[in-house]
Amino acid sequence: MSYCKQEGKDRIIFVTKEDHEAPSNAELIADDPNDPYEEQGLILPSGEINWNCPCLGGMASGPCGEPFKAAFSCFHYSTEEVKGSDCVDKFRSMQECMQRYPELYPQEDDNDNTPQGESGAAEAATPGTGDSDPAPTPDSTPVSGDASQTQRPTAS
């Protein structure tokens, strides 16, 4: 005996072995290549942006959907020599919107992507770390820890 059961948003269908042995009578509908909601990638054949593309990760919806669409559209249709250079204000507006909703748009922490011991050139050039100081030569060995005074070998 087959039956259905609803649990919240889910519908559970129990079928018997006999139900599975019978041929299916479901009718399949052929995909419509002109359906704008069909997954066709980011850019539709018409050249327009497919805001339903899963590749956008839902960025086109939500509280910052409109600023995202404005910035992304500006970049996509930009004809500037440096593509998107005319869109800085739109991207700034999008970023400001996203900062108002940190629970929906968490910022990535740059320090998480940096391998240990590799934190950039600024640290390598920091005085006193020893990393950027050249190795002492016989002509410039510091005397009593003062780097401004050097001991020079004398000719014998």
N, C-alpha and C. Protein backbone atom coordinates (compact mmCIF):
# COMPACT_ATOMS: atom_id res chain seq x y z
N MET A 1 0.84 -1.17 0.00
CA MET A 1 0.00 0.00 0.00
C MET A 1 0.89 1.24 0.00
N SER A 2 0.77 2.10 -1.02
CA SER A 2 1.53 3.34 -1.14
C SER A 2 0.81 4.47 -0.41
N TYR A 3 1.60 5.38 0.15
CA TYR A 3 1.00 6.56 0.77
C TYR A 3 2.03 7.68 0.88
N CYS A 4 1.53 8.90 1.11
CA CYS A 4 2.40 10.09 1.24
C CYS A 4 2.26 10.64 2.65
N LYS A 5 3.33 11.27 3.09
CA LYS A 5 3.36 11.87 4.42
C LYS A 5 4.09 13.21 4.30
N GLN A 6 3.52 14.26 4.87
CA GLN A 6 4.14 15.59 4.83
C GLN A 6 4.82 15.86 6.17
N GLU A 7 6.12 16.20 6.12
CA GLU A 7 6.86 16.58 7.32
C GLU A 7 7.51 17.93 7.07
N GLY A 8 6.87 18.97 7.57
CA GLY A 8 7.38 20.32 7.32
C GLY A 8 7.32 20.62 5.83
N LYS A 9 8.43 21.00 5.25
CA LYS A 9 8.47 21.32 3.83
C LYS A 9 8.66 20.07 2.96
N ASP A 10 8.96 18.93 3.58
CA ASP A 10 9.26 17.70 2.84
C ASP A 10 8.02 16.84 2.68
N ARG A 11 7.94 16.21 1.51
CA ARG A 11 6.86 15.26 1.24
C ARG A 11 7.50 13.90 1.06
N ILE A 12 7.15 12.96 1.92
CA ILE A 12 7.73 11.62 1.89
C ILE A 12 6.72 10.68 1.25
N ILE A 13 7.18 9.95 0.22
CA ILE A 13 6.30 9.03 -0.51
C ILE A 13 6.80 7.61 -0.26
N PHE A 14 5.92 6.78 0.28
CA PHE A 14 6.22 5.37 0.49
C PHE A 14 5.54 4.58 -0.62
N VAL A 15 6.31 3.73 -1.30
CA VAL A 15 5.76 2.92 -2.39
C VAL A 15 6.05 1.44 -2.13
N THR A 16 5.27 0.63 -2.77
CA THR A 16 5.46 -0.82 -2.63
C THR A 16 6.35 -1.33 -3.75
N LYS A 17 6.77 -2.57 -3.63
CA LYS A 17 7.59 -3.19 -4.66
C LYS A 17 6.82 -3.23 -5.99
N GLU A 18 5.54 -3.47 -5.91
CA GLU A 18 4.72 -3.52 -7.12
C GLU A 18 4.68 -2.16 -7.83
N ASP A 19 4.65 -1.07 -7.04
CA ASP A 19 4.66 0.27 -7.63
C ASP A 19 5.93 0.51 -8.43
N HIS A 20 7.05 0.01 -7.94
CA HIS A 20 8.33 0.19 -8.63
C HIS A 20 8.44 -0.68 -9.87
N GLU A 21 7.76 -1.81 -9.87
CA GLU A 21 7.84 -2.71 -11.03
C GLU A 21 7.01 -2.22 -12.20
N ALA A 22 5.99 -1.43 -11.95
CA ALA A 22 5.13 -0.92 -13.03
C ALA A 22 5.88 0.15 -13.81
N PRO A 23 5.71 0.21 -15.14
CA PRO A 23 6.38 1.24 -15.93
C PRO A 23 5.87 2.63 -15.53
N SER A 24 6.76 3.60 -15.61
CA SER A 24 6.41 4.96 -15.24
C SER A 24 5.50 5.58 -16.29
N ASN A 25 4.57 6.40 -15.83
CA ASN A 25 3.71 7.12 -16.78
C ASN A 25 3.99 8.63 -16.72
N ALA A 26 5.14 8.98 -16.15
CA ALA A 26 5.51 10.40 -16.09
C ALA A 26 5.89 10.90 -17.47
N GLU A 27 5.45 12.12 -17.79
CA GLU A 27 5.78 12.73 -19.08
C GLU A 27 6.90 13.75 -18.87
N LEU A 28 7.96 13.59 -19.62
CA LEU A 28 9.08 14.52 -19.53
C LEU A 28 8.90 15.61 -20.58
N ILE A 29 9.16 16.84 -20.16
CA ILE A 29 9.03 17.98 -21.06
C ILE A 29 10.43 18.34 -21.56
N ALA A 30 10.57 18.51 -22.85
CA ALA A 30 11.87 18.86 -23.43
C ALA A 30 12.30 20.24 -22.94
N ASP A 31 13.60 20.39 -22.75
CA ASP A 31 14.12 21.68 -22.31
C ASP A 31 13.90 22.72 -23.39
N ASP A 32 13.51 23.92 -22.97
CA ASP A 32 13.31 25.03 -23.88
C ASP A 32 14.60 25.84 -23.94
N PRO A 33 15.31 25.86 -25.08
CA PRO A 33 16.57 26.60 -25.15
C PRO A 33 16.39 28.11 -25.00
N ASN A 34 15.17 28.62 -25.16
CA ASN A 34 14.91 30.05 -25.02
C ASN A 34 14.45 30.44 -23.63
N ASP A 35 14.39 29.48 -22.72
CA ASP A 35 13.96 29.75 -21.35
C ASP A 35 15.06 30.54 -20.64
N PRO A 36 14.78 31.81 -20.26
CA PRO A 36 15.83 32.62 -19.64
C PRO A 36 16.22 32.11 -18.25
N TYR A 37 15.40 31.25 -17.66
CA TYR A 37 15.71 30.73 -16.33
C TYR A 37 16.48 29.42 -16.39
N GLU A 38 16.62 28.87 -17.58
CA GLU A 38 17.41 27.65 -17.75
C GLU A 38 18.88 28.01 -17.53
N GLU A 39 19.62 27.10 -16.94
CA GLU A 39 21.04 27.35 -16.69
C GLU A 39 21.78 27.47 -18.02
N GLN A 40 22.14 28.68 -18.38
CA GLN A 40 22.86 28.91 -19.63
C GLN A 40 24.18 29.62 -19.38
N GLY A 41 24.59 29.69 -18.15
CA GLY A 41 25.83 30.39 -17.84
C GLY A 41 25.55 31.84 -17.45
N LEU A 42 26.60 32.57 -17.23
CA LEU A 42 26.48 33.94 -16.74
C LEU A 42 25.93 34.89 -17.79
N ILE A 43 26.33 34.70 -19.04
CA ILE A 43 25.89 35.60 -20.10
C ILE A 43 24.92 34.85 -21.02
N LEU A 44 23.74 35.40 -21.18
CA LEU A 44 22.73 34.80 -22.05
C LEU A 44 23.11 34.98 -23.51
N PRO A 45 22.54 34.19 -24.41
CA PRO A 45 22.86 34.34 -25.84
C PRO A 45 22.62 35.77 -26.35
N SER A 46 21.71 36.49 -25.71
CA SER A 46 21.43 37.87 -26.12
C SER A 46 22.53 38.84 -25.68
N GLY A 47 23.47 38.37 -24.84
CA GLY A 47 24.52 39.23 -24.32
C GLY A 47 24.17 39.84 -22.97
N GLU A 48 22.95 39.60 -22.51
CA GLU A 48 22.53 40.13 -21.21
C GLU A 48 23.06 39.24 -20.10
N ILE A 49 23.10 39.79 -18.89
CA ILE A 49 23.58 39.05 -17.72
C ILE A 49 22.46 38.17 -17.21
N ASN A 50 22.77 36.90 -16.94
CA ASN A 50 21.81 35.95 -16.40
C ASN A 50 21.87 36.05 -14.88
N TRP A 51 20.98 36.87 -14.29
CA TRP A 51 21.00 37.08 -12.84
C TRP A 51 20.60 35.83 -12.07
N ASN A 52 20.07 34.82 -12.76
CA ASN A 52 19.69 33.56 -12.11
C ASN A 52 20.81 32.52 -12.14
N CYS A 53 21.95 32.88 -12.70
CA CYS A 53 23.05 31.92 -12.80
C CYS A 53 23.53 31.54 -11.40
N PRO A 54 23.64 30.23 -11.11
CA PRO A 54 24.14 29.82 -9.80
C PRO A 54 25.57 30.28 -9.54
N CYS A 55 26.29 30.65 -10.61
CA CYS A 55 27.67 31.10 -10.45
C CYS A 55 27.75 32.41 -9.68
N LEU A 56 26.66 33.14 -9.57
CA LEU A 56 26.65 34.40 -8.82
C LEU A 56 26.43 34.16 -7.33
N GLY A 57 26.17 32.93 -6.96
CA GLY A 57 26.05 32.60 -5.54
C GLY A 57 24.98 33.37 -4.80
N GLY A 58 23.93 33.79 -5.47
CA GLY A 58 22.84 34.50 -4.81
C GLY A 58 23.14 35.97 -4.55
N MET A 59 24.25 36.47 -5.06
CA MET A 59 24.61 37.87 -4.80
C MET A 59 23.62 38.86 -5.41
N ALA A 60 22.89 38.44 -6.44
CA ALA A 60 21.95 39.34 -7.10
C ALA A 60 20.66 39.51 -6.33
N SER A 61 20.49 38.74 -5.26
CA SER A 61 19.30 38.89 -4.42
C SER A 61 19.75 39.30 -3.02
N GLY A 62 18.82 39.55 -2.16
CA GLY A 62 19.17 39.95 -0.80
C GLY A 62 19.24 41.46 -0.68
N PRO A 63 19.63 41.94 0.49
CA PRO A 63 19.60 43.38 0.74
C PRO A 63 20.57 44.19 -0.12
N CYS A 64 21.62 43.56 -0.64
CA CYS A 64 22.59 44.29 -1.47
C CYS A 64 22.53 43.83 -2.93
N GLY A 65 21.43 43.22 -3.30
CA GLY A 65 21.27 42.72 -4.67
C GLY A 65 21.32 43.82 -5.71
N GLU A 66 20.62 44.92 -5.45
CA GLU A 66 20.60 46.01 -6.43
C GLU A 66 21.96 46.70 -6.57
N PRO A 67 22.65 47.02 -5.46
CA PRO A 67 24.00 47.58 -5.63
C PRO A 67 24.95 46.60 -6.34
N PHE A 68 24.80 45.29 -6.07
CA PHE A 68 25.63 44.30 -6.75
C PHE A 68 25.34 44.31 -8.25
N LYS A 69 24.05 44.32 -8.61
CA LYS A 69 23.68 44.33 -10.02
C LYS A 69 24.20 45.58 -10.73
N ALA A 70 24.11 46.72 -10.05
CA ALA A 70 24.59 47.97 -10.66
C ALA A 70 26.09 47.91 -10.90
N ALA A 71 26.84 47.43 -9.91
CA ALA A 71 28.30 47.36 -10.06
C ALA A 71 28.70 46.32 -11.10
N PHE A 72 28.07 45.15 -11.05
CA PHE A 72 28.42 44.08 -11.98
C PHE A 72 28.05 44.47 -13.41
N SER A 73 26.89 45.07 -13.58
CA SER A 73 26.46 45.52 -14.92
C SER A 73 27.41 46.57 -15.46
N CYS A 74 27.77 47.51 -14.61
CA CYS A 74 28.70 48.56 -15.03
C CYS A 74 30.00 47.94 -15.52
N PHE A 75 30.53 46.99 -14.76
CA PHE A 75 31.79 46.35 -15.15
C PHE A 75 31.62 45.57 -16.46
N HIS A 76 30.52 44.80 -16.56
CA HIS A 76 30.30 43.97 -17.75
C HIS A 76 30.20 44.82 -19.02
N TYR A 77 29.49 45.93 -18.93
CA TYR A 77 29.27 46.76 -20.11
C TYR A 77 30.30 47.88 -20.26
N SER A 78 31.29 47.94 -19.38
CA SER A 78 32.30 48.99 -19.43
C SER A 78 33.10 48.93 -20.73
N THR A 79 33.31 50.09 -21.31
CA THR A 79 34.10 50.18 -22.54
C THR A 79 35.38 50.96 -22.32
N GLU A 80 35.68 51.27 -21.05
CA GLU A 80 36.90 52.00 -20.73
C GLU A 80 38.13 51.16 -21.08
N GLU A 81 39.24 51.83 -21.32
CA GLU A 81 40.48 51.12 -21.63
C GLU A 81 40.87 50.20 -20.48
N VAL A 82 40.76 50.70 -19.25
CA VAL A 82 40.94 49.85 -18.07
C VAL A 82 39.52 49.46 -17.66
N LYS A 83 39.12 48.26 -18.07
CA LYS A 83 37.73 47.83 -17.89
C LYS A 83 37.28 48.00 -16.45
N GLY A 84 36.15 48.66 -16.28
CA GLY A 84 35.57 48.85 -14.97
C GLY A 84 36.07 50.07 -14.23
N SER A 85 37.01 50.79 -14.79
CA SER A 85 37.55 51.96 -14.09
C SER A 85 36.49 53.04 -13.91
N ASP A 86 35.42 52.98 -14.68
CA ASP A 86 34.33 53.93 -14.55
C ASP A 86 33.27 53.46 -13.55
N CYS A 87 33.53 52.36 -12.86
CA CYS A 87 32.54 51.75 -11.96
C CYS A 87 32.92 51.82 -10.49
N VAL A 88 33.97 52.54 -10.17
CA VAL A 88 34.49 52.55 -8.80
C VAL A 88 33.41 52.96 -7.80
N ASP A 89 32.64 54.00 -8.12
CA ASP A 89 31.60 54.47 -7.19
C ASP A 89 30.53 53.40 -6.96
N LYS A 90 30.18 52.67 -8.00
CA LYS A 90 29.17 51.62 -7.86
C LYS A 90 29.70 50.46 -6.99
N PHE A 91 30.97 50.11 -7.18
CA PHE A 91 31.55 49.06 -6.34
C PHE A 91 31.70 49.53 -4.90
N ARG A 92 31.99 50.81 -4.71
CA ARG A 92 32.10 51.36 -3.36
C ARG A 92 30.73 51.28 -2.67
N SER A 93 29.65 51.63 -3.39
CA SER A 93 28.30 51.55 -2.82
C SER A 93 27.95 50.12 -2.45
N MET A 94 28.33 49.18 -3.31
CA MET A 94 28.07 47.77 -3.02
C MET A 94 28.83 47.34 -1.76
N GLN A 95 30.09 47.75 -1.65
CA GLN A 95 30.89 47.37 -0.49
C GLN A 95 30.31 47.97 0.79
N GLU A 96 29.87 49.22 0.73
CA GLU A 96 29.28 49.86 1.91
C GLU A 96 28.00 49.13 2.33
N CYS A 97 27.21 48.72 1.36
CA CYS A 97 26.00 47.95 1.67
C CYS A 97 26.36 46.64 2.34
N MET A 98 27.34 45.93 1.79
CA MET A 98 27.73 44.63 2.34
C MET A 98 28.29 44.77 3.75
N GLN A 99 28.95 45.88 4.05
CA GLN A 99 29.48 46.10 5.39
C GLN A 99 28.37 46.34 6.40
N ARG A 100 27.19 46.77 5.93
CA ARG A 100 26.04 46.96 6.83
C ARG A 100 25.39 45.63 7.21
N TYR A 101 25.72 44.55 6.49
CA TYR A 101 25.14 43.23 6.73
C TYR A 101 26.26 42.19 6.88
N PRO A 102 27.11 42.31 7.91
CA PRO A 102 28.25 41.40 8.04
C PRO A 102 27.85 39.94 8.25
N GLU A 103 26.65 39.70 8.77
CA GLU A 103 26.22 38.32 8.96
C GLU A 103 25.87 37.65 7.63
N LEU A 104 25.47 38.43 6.64
CA LEU A 104 25.16 37.89 5.31
C LEU A 104 26.37 37.90 4.38
N TYR A 105 27.24 38.88 4.57
CA TYR A 105 28.40 39.05 3.70
C TYR A 105 29.67 39.14 4.56
N PRO A 106 30.12 38.02 5.12
CA PRO A 106 31.32 38.09 5.98
C PRO A 106 32.55 38.46 5.17
N GLN A 107 33.40 39.28 5.77
CA GLN A 107 34.64 39.68 5.09
C GLN A 107 35.68 38.62 5.31
N GLU A 108 36.47 38.35 4.27
CA GLU A 108 37.55 37.38 4.39
C GLU A 108 38.70 38.01 5.14
N ASP A 109 39.33 37.23 6.00
CA ASP A 109 40.48 37.71 6.75
C ASP A 109 41.72 37.42 5.94
N ASP A 110 42.43 38.48 5.53
CA ASP A 110 43.62 38.32 4.69
C ASP A 110 44.68 37.49 5.38
N ASN A 111 44.76 37.52 6.72
CA ASN A 111 45.79 36.78 7.44
C ASN A 111 45.61 35.27 7.34
N ASP A 112 44.39 34.81 7.08
CA ASP A 112 44.16 33.37 6.96
C ASP A 112 44.80 32.79 5.72
N ASN A 113 45.03 33.60 4.69
CA ASN A 113 45.56 33.10 3.43
C ASN A 113 47.07 33.22 3.33
N THR A 114 47.69 33.79 4.36
CA THR A 114 49.14 34.01 4.31
C THR A 114 49.86 32.86 4.97
N PRO A 115 50.76 32.17 4.27
CA PRO A 115 51.51 31.09 4.89
C PRO A 115 52.36 31.62 6.04
N GLN A 116 52.60 30.79 7.04
CA GLN A 116 53.38 31.24 8.18
C GLN A 116 54.78 31.64 7.74
N GLY A 117 55.27 32.73 8.37
CA GLY A 117 56.61 33.20 8.05
C GLY A 117 56.65 34.05 6.79
N GLU A 118 55.49 34.29 6.20
CA GLU A 118 55.45 35.05 4.96
C GLU A 118 54.38 36.11 5.11
N SER A 119 54.69 37.20 5.79
CA SER A 119 53.67 38.21 6.01
C SER A 119 53.93 39.49 5.24
N GLY A 120 54.71 39.45 4.24
CA GLY A 120 54.85 40.58 3.35
C GLY A 120 56.18 41.29 3.46
N ALA A 121 56.40 42.18 2.52
CA ALA A 121 57.66 42.91 2.42
C ALA A 121 57.82 43.91 3.55
N ALA A 122 56.71 44.45 4.08
CA ALA A 122 56.81 45.45 5.13
C ALA A 122 57.51 44.88 6.35
N GLU A 123 57.19 43.64 6.70
CA GLU A 123 57.82 43.03 7.86
C GLU A 123 59.28 42.71 7.57
N ALA A 124 59.59 42.31 6.35
CA ALA A 124 60.97 41.95 6.01
C ALA A 124 61.88 43.16 6.09
N ALA A 125 61.32 44.35 5.86
CA ALA A 125 62.14 45.55 5.89
C ALA A 125 62.14 46.23 7.25
N THR A 126 61.49 45.62 8.25
CA THR A 126 61.42 46.22 9.56
C THR A 126 62.78 46.16 10.23
N PRO A 127 63.29 47.31 10.69
CA PRO A 127 64.61 47.30 11.34
C PRO A 127 64.57 46.48 12.62
N GLY A 128 65.67 45.85 12.91
CA GLY A 128 65.80 45.11 14.16
C GLY A 128 65.37 43.67 14.08
N THR A 129 64.79 43.24 12.96
CA THR A 129 64.36 41.84 12.87
C THR A 129 65.52 40.95 12.46
N GLY A 130 66.51 41.53 11.83
CA GLY A 130 67.66 40.75 11.39
C GLY A 130 67.42 40.11 10.04
N ASP A 131 66.15 40.03 9.59
CA ASP A 131 65.85 39.38 8.31
C ASP A 131 66.36 40.18 7.14
N SER A 132 66.32 41.52 7.26
CA SER A 132 66.71 42.33 6.12
C SER A 132 68.12 42.89 6.25
N ASP A 133 68.77 42.66 7.40
CA ASP A 133 70.12 43.16 7.59
C ASP A 133 71.10 42.27 6.83
N PRO A 134 72.05 42.88 6.10
CA PRO A 134 73.02 42.05 5.39
C PRO A 134 73.96 41.36 6.38
N ALA A 135 74.50 40.27 5.98
CA ALA A 135 75.45 39.55 6.84
C ALA A 135 76.69 40.41 7.02
N PRO A 136 77.24 40.44 8.23
CA PRO A 136 78.42 41.28 8.46
C PRO A 136 79.61 40.74 7.68
N THR A 137 80.40 41.67 7.21
CA THR A 137 81.63 41.30 6.50
C THR A 137 82.79 41.54 7.45
N PRO A 138 83.98 41.00 7.17
CA PRO A 138 85.12 41.25 8.06
C PRO A 138 85.41 42.73 8.22
N ASP A 139 85.07 43.55 7.20
CA ASP A 139 85.35 44.98 7.28
C ASP A 139 84.36 45.72 8.16
N SER A 140 83.21 45.12 8.45
CA SER A 140 82.19 45.87 9.16
C SER A 140 81.65 45.14 10.37
N THR A 141 82.43 44.41 11.09
CA THR A 141 81.98 43.72 12.28
C THR A 141 81.70 44.73 13.37
N PRO A 142 80.48 44.75 13.92
CA PRO A 142 80.16 45.73 14.96
C PRO A 142 80.99 45.52 16.21
N VAL A 143 81.33 46.63 16.85
CA VAL A 143 82.08 46.61 18.10
C VAL A 143 81.12 46.93 19.23
N SER A 144 81.07 46.13 20.27
CA SER A 144 80.23 46.28 21.46
C SER A 144 78.77 46.59 21.12
N GLY A 145 78.22 45.94 20.11
CA GLY A 145 76.80 46.03 19.81
C GLY A 145 76.40 47.33 19.14
N ASP A 146 77.32 48.24 18.87
CA ASP A 146 76.98 49.51 18.25
C ASP A 146 77.28 49.40 16.75
N ALA A 147 76.22 49.41 15.95
CA ALA A 147 76.38 49.20 14.51
C ALA A 147 77.00 50.41 13.84
N SER A 148 76.98 51.58 14.51
CA SER A 148 77.53 52.78 13.87
C SER A 148 79.06 52.78 13.91
N GLN A 149 79.65 52.01 14.84
CA GLN A 149 81.11 51.93 14.90
C GLN A 149 81.53 50.58 14.33
N THR A 150 82.46 50.61 13.44
CA THR A 150 82.92 49.34 12.87
C THR A 150 84.39 49.18 13.14
N GLN A 151 84.77 47.95 13.21
CA GLN A 151 86.18 47.63 13.46
C GLN A 151 86.80 47.30 12.12
N ARG A 152 87.79 47.99 11.75
CA ARG A 152 88.45 47.77 10.48
C ARG A 152 89.78 47.05 10.72
N PRO A 153 90.06 46.04 9.94
CA PRO A 153 91.33 45.35 10.11
C PRO A 153 92.49 46.30 9.74
N THR A 154 93.51 46.21 10.47
CA THR A 154 94.67 47.05 10.20
C THR A 154 95.71 46.24 9.43
N ALA A 155 96.42 46.95 8.57
CA ALA A 155 97.45 46.27 7.79
C ALA A 155 98.64 46.01 8.68
N SER A 156 99.18 44.81 8.69
CA SER A 156 100.31 44.48 9.55
C SER A 156 101.59 44.47 8.77
